[in-house]
N, C-alpha and C. Protein backbone atom coordinates (compact mmCIF):
# COMPACT_ATOMS: atom_id res chain seq x y z
N MET A 1 109.54 92.37 102.27
CA MET A 1 108.88 93.67 102.23
C MET A 1 107.70 93.55 101.27
N GLN A 2 106.58 94.00 101.72
CA GLN A 2 105.39 93.94 100.87
C GLN A 2 105.33 95.19 100.01
N PRO A 3 105.19 95.00 98.69
CA PRO A 3 105.09 96.17 97.82
C PRO A 3 103.76 96.89 98.00
N THR A 4 103.74 98.15 97.66
CA THR A 4 102.53 98.95 97.72
C THR A 4 101.60 98.55 96.58
N LYS A 5 100.31 98.51 96.87
CA LYS A 5 99.35 98.16 95.82
C LYS A 5 99.44 99.17 94.68
N GLY A 6 99.41 98.66 93.46
CA GLY A 6 99.47 99.52 92.29
C GLY A 6 100.87 99.84 91.82
N ALA A 7 101.89 99.42 92.57
CA ALA A 7 103.27 99.68 92.14
C ALA A 7 103.57 98.88 90.88
N LYS A 8 104.22 99.50 89.93
CA LYS A 8 104.46 98.86 88.64
C LYS A 8 105.82 98.19 88.55
N ASN A 9 106.79 98.67 89.29
CA ASN A 9 108.15 98.13 89.19
C ASN A 9 108.49 97.26 90.39
N THR A 10 107.75 96.19 90.57
CA THR A 10 108.03 95.27 91.66
C THR A 10 108.40 93.91 91.09
N GLN A 11 109.16 93.18 91.86
CA GLN A 11 109.55 91.84 91.44
C GLN A 11 108.33 90.93 91.43
N LYS A 12 108.25 90.04 90.47
CA LYS A 12 107.13 89.11 90.37
C LYS A 12 107.05 88.22 91.60
N ALA A 13 108.19 87.88 92.19
CA ALA A 13 108.20 87.02 93.38
C ALA A 13 107.47 87.70 94.54
N TYR A 14 107.63 89.01 94.68
CA TYR A 14 106.94 89.73 95.74
C TYR A 14 105.43 89.67 95.54
N LEU A 15 105.01 89.84 94.30
CA LEU A 15 103.58 89.79 94.02
C LEU A 15 103.02 88.40 94.26
N PHE A 16 103.79 87.39 93.93
CA PHE A 16 103.36 86.01 94.13
C PHE A 16 103.25 85.67 95.62
N MET A 17 104.15 86.22 96.43
CA MET A 17 104.19 85.89 97.86
C MET A 17 103.42 86.88 98.73
N SER A 18 102.80 87.88 98.15
CA SER A 18 102.15 88.92 98.95
C SER A 18 101.00 88.40 99.80
N TRP A 19 100.39 87.30 99.43
CA TRP A 19 99.32 86.73 100.23
C TRP A 19 99.84 86.23 101.57
N MET A 20 101.14 85.95 101.65
CA MET A 20 101.73 85.44 102.90
C MET A 20 102.09 86.55 103.87
N TYR A 21 102.04 87.80 103.42
CA TYR A 21 102.50 88.91 104.25
C TYR A 21 101.83 88.97 105.62
N PRO A 22 100.50 88.88 105.74
CA PRO A 22 99.88 88.95 107.09
C PRO A 22 100.39 87.87 108.03
N VAL A 23 100.61 86.68 107.51
CA VAL A 23 101.11 85.59 108.35
C VAL A 23 102.55 85.86 108.76
N LEU A 24 103.37 86.28 107.80
CA LEU A 24 104.76 86.59 108.12
C LEU A 24 104.88 87.73 109.11
N ARG A 25 104.03 88.73 108.97
CA ARG A 25 104.05 89.88 109.88
C ARG A 25 103.69 89.45 111.29
N MET A 26 102.75 88.50 111.40
CA MET A 26 102.34 88.02 112.70
C MET A 26 103.43 87.13 113.33
N LEU A 27 104.05 86.27 112.53
CA LEU A 27 105.05 85.34 113.05
C LEU A 27 106.43 85.97 113.23
N PHE A 28 106.80 86.88 112.35
CA PHE A 28 108.13 87.48 112.36
C PHE A 28 108.07 89.01 112.29
N PRO A 29 107.51 89.67 113.30
CA PRO A 29 107.34 91.13 113.23
C PRO A 29 108.65 91.91 113.17
N LYS A 30 109.75 91.30 113.59
CA LYS A 30 111.03 92.01 113.57
C LYS A 30 111.72 91.92 112.21
N PHE A 31 111.10 91.21 111.26
CA PHE A 31 111.75 91.00 109.97
C PHE A 31 110.91 91.43 108.77
N VAL A 32 109.69 91.92 109.00
CA VAL A 32 108.79 92.21 107.88
C VAL A 32 108.23 93.63 108.01
N CYS A 33 108.25 94.36 106.90
CA CYS A 33 107.62 95.68 106.86
C CYS A 33 107.11 95.92 105.44
N THR A 34 106.36 96.98 105.28
CA THR A 34 105.84 97.32 103.96
C THR A 34 106.69 98.41 103.33
N LEU A 35 106.55 98.54 102.04
CA LEU A 35 107.26 99.60 101.32
C LEU A 35 106.78 100.97 101.78
N LYS A 36 105.50 101.08 102.08
CA LYS A 36 104.94 102.34 102.57
C LYS A 36 105.57 102.71 103.92
N GLU A 37 105.72 101.73 104.82
CA GLU A 37 106.35 101.99 106.11
C GLU A 37 107.79 102.46 105.92
N LEU A 38 108.49 101.86 104.99
CA LEU A 38 109.87 102.27 104.72
C LEU A 38 109.92 103.72 104.26
N GLY A 39 109.04 104.08 103.34
CA GLY A 39 109.01 105.45 102.85
C GLY A 39 108.67 106.46 103.93
N LEU A 40 107.65 106.14 104.74
CA LEU A 40 107.28 107.04 105.84
C LEU A 40 108.41 107.16 106.86
N ALA A 41 109.08 106.06 107.14
CA ALA A 41 110.20 106.10 108.09
C ALA A 41 111.33 106.98 107.56
N MET A 42 111.59 106.92 106.27
CA MET A 42 112.64 107.76 105.68
C MET A 42 112.29 109.23 105.83
N ILE A 43 111.04 109.57 105.56
CA ILE A 43 110.61 110.97 105.68
C ILE A 43 110.70 111.44 107.13
N HIS A 44 110.19 110.65 108.07
CA HIS A 44 110.22 111.05 109.48
C HIS A 44 111.65 111.12 110.02
N CYS A 45 112.49 110.23 109.55
CA CYS A 45 113.89 110.24 109.99
C CYS A 45 114.59 111.52 109.53
N LEU A 46 114.30 111.96 108.31
CA LEU A 46 114.91 113.19 107.81
C LEU A 46 114.36 114.42 108.52
N LYS A 47 113.06 114.43 108.80
CA LYS A 47 112.45 115.59 109.44
C LYS A 47 112.85 115.73 110.91
N LYS A 48 112.82 114.63 111.63
CA LYS A 48 113.01 114.67 113.08
C LYS A 48 114.36 114.13 113.54
N GLY A 49 115.02 113.37 112.69
CA GLY A 49 116.26 112.73 113.10
C GLY A 49 115.97 111.44 113.86
N TYR A 50 116.99 110.66 114.10
CA TYR A 50 116.85 109.41 114.84
C TYR A 50 118.17 109.13 115.53
N ASP A 51 118.11 108.47 116.66
CA ASP A 51 119.32 108.26 117.46
C ASP A 51 120.23 107.16 116.92
N LYS A 52 119.76 106.34 116.01
CA LYS A 52 120.59 105.28 115.43
C LYS A 52 120.96 105.65 114.00
N SER A 53 122.14 105.20 113.57
CA SER A 53 122.54 105.45 112.18
C SER A 53 122.14 104.29 111.26
N ILE A 54 121.94 103.12 111.84
CA ILE A 54 121.48 101.95 111.07
C ILE A 54 120.15 101.53 111.65
N LEU A 55 119.13 101.49 110.80
CA LEU A 55 117.78 101.17 111.25
C LEU A 55 117.44 99.72 110.97
N GLU A 56 116.90 99.06 111.96
CA GLU A 56 116.39 97.70 111.81
C GLU A 56 114.90 97.80 111.51
N VAL A 57 114.28 96.68 111.15
CA VAL A 57 112.85 96.69 110.80
C VAL A 57 111.99 97.25 111.93
N PRO A 58 112.20 96.88 113.21
CA PRO A 58 111.38 97.48 114.27
C PRO A 58 111.51 99.01 114.33
N ASP A 59 112.70 99.52 114.05
CA ASP A 59 112.90 100.98 114.02
C ASP A 59 112.11 101.60 112.87
N ILE A 60 112.09 100.94 111.74
CA ILE A 60 111.36 101.44 110.57
C ILE A 60 109.87 101.49 110.87
N VAL A 61 109.35 100.41 111.45
CA VAL A 61 107.92 100.37 111.78
C VAL A 61 107.57 101.45 112.80
N LYS A 62 108.45 101.65 113.79
CA LYS A 62 108.21 102.68 114.80
C LYS A 62 108.20 104.07 114.18
N LEU A 63 109.19 104.36 113.33
CA LEU A 63 109.25 105.67 112.69
C LEU A 63 108.07 105.90 111.74
N ALA A 64 107.63 104.85 111.08
CA ALA A 64 106.50 104.99 110.15
C ALA A 64 105.22 105.34 110.87
N GLY A 65 105.09 104.92 112.12
CA GLY A 65 103.87 105.19 112.88
C GLY A 65 103.85 106.55 113.54
N GLU A 66 104.96 107.28 113.52
CA GLU A 66 105.00 108.60 114.15
C GLU A 66 104.30 109.63 113.27
N LYS A 67 103.75 110.61 113.92
CA LYS A 67 103.06 111.67 113.16
C LYS A 67 103.71 113.00 113.42
């Protein structure tokens, strides 16, 4: 998961590996998302509901893109 820019409480390993995020997202889209997408997905899931009780990364990305 890529941390949001400016976040202060992130693991150093995430910051060190953040340059790899675009490549990982392209190669493994079912396994990589951003912290922002996770937050948006949580908000949309609470507002609109979702048919699954356990969300996978593709579900999170889909929910984050909804308006």
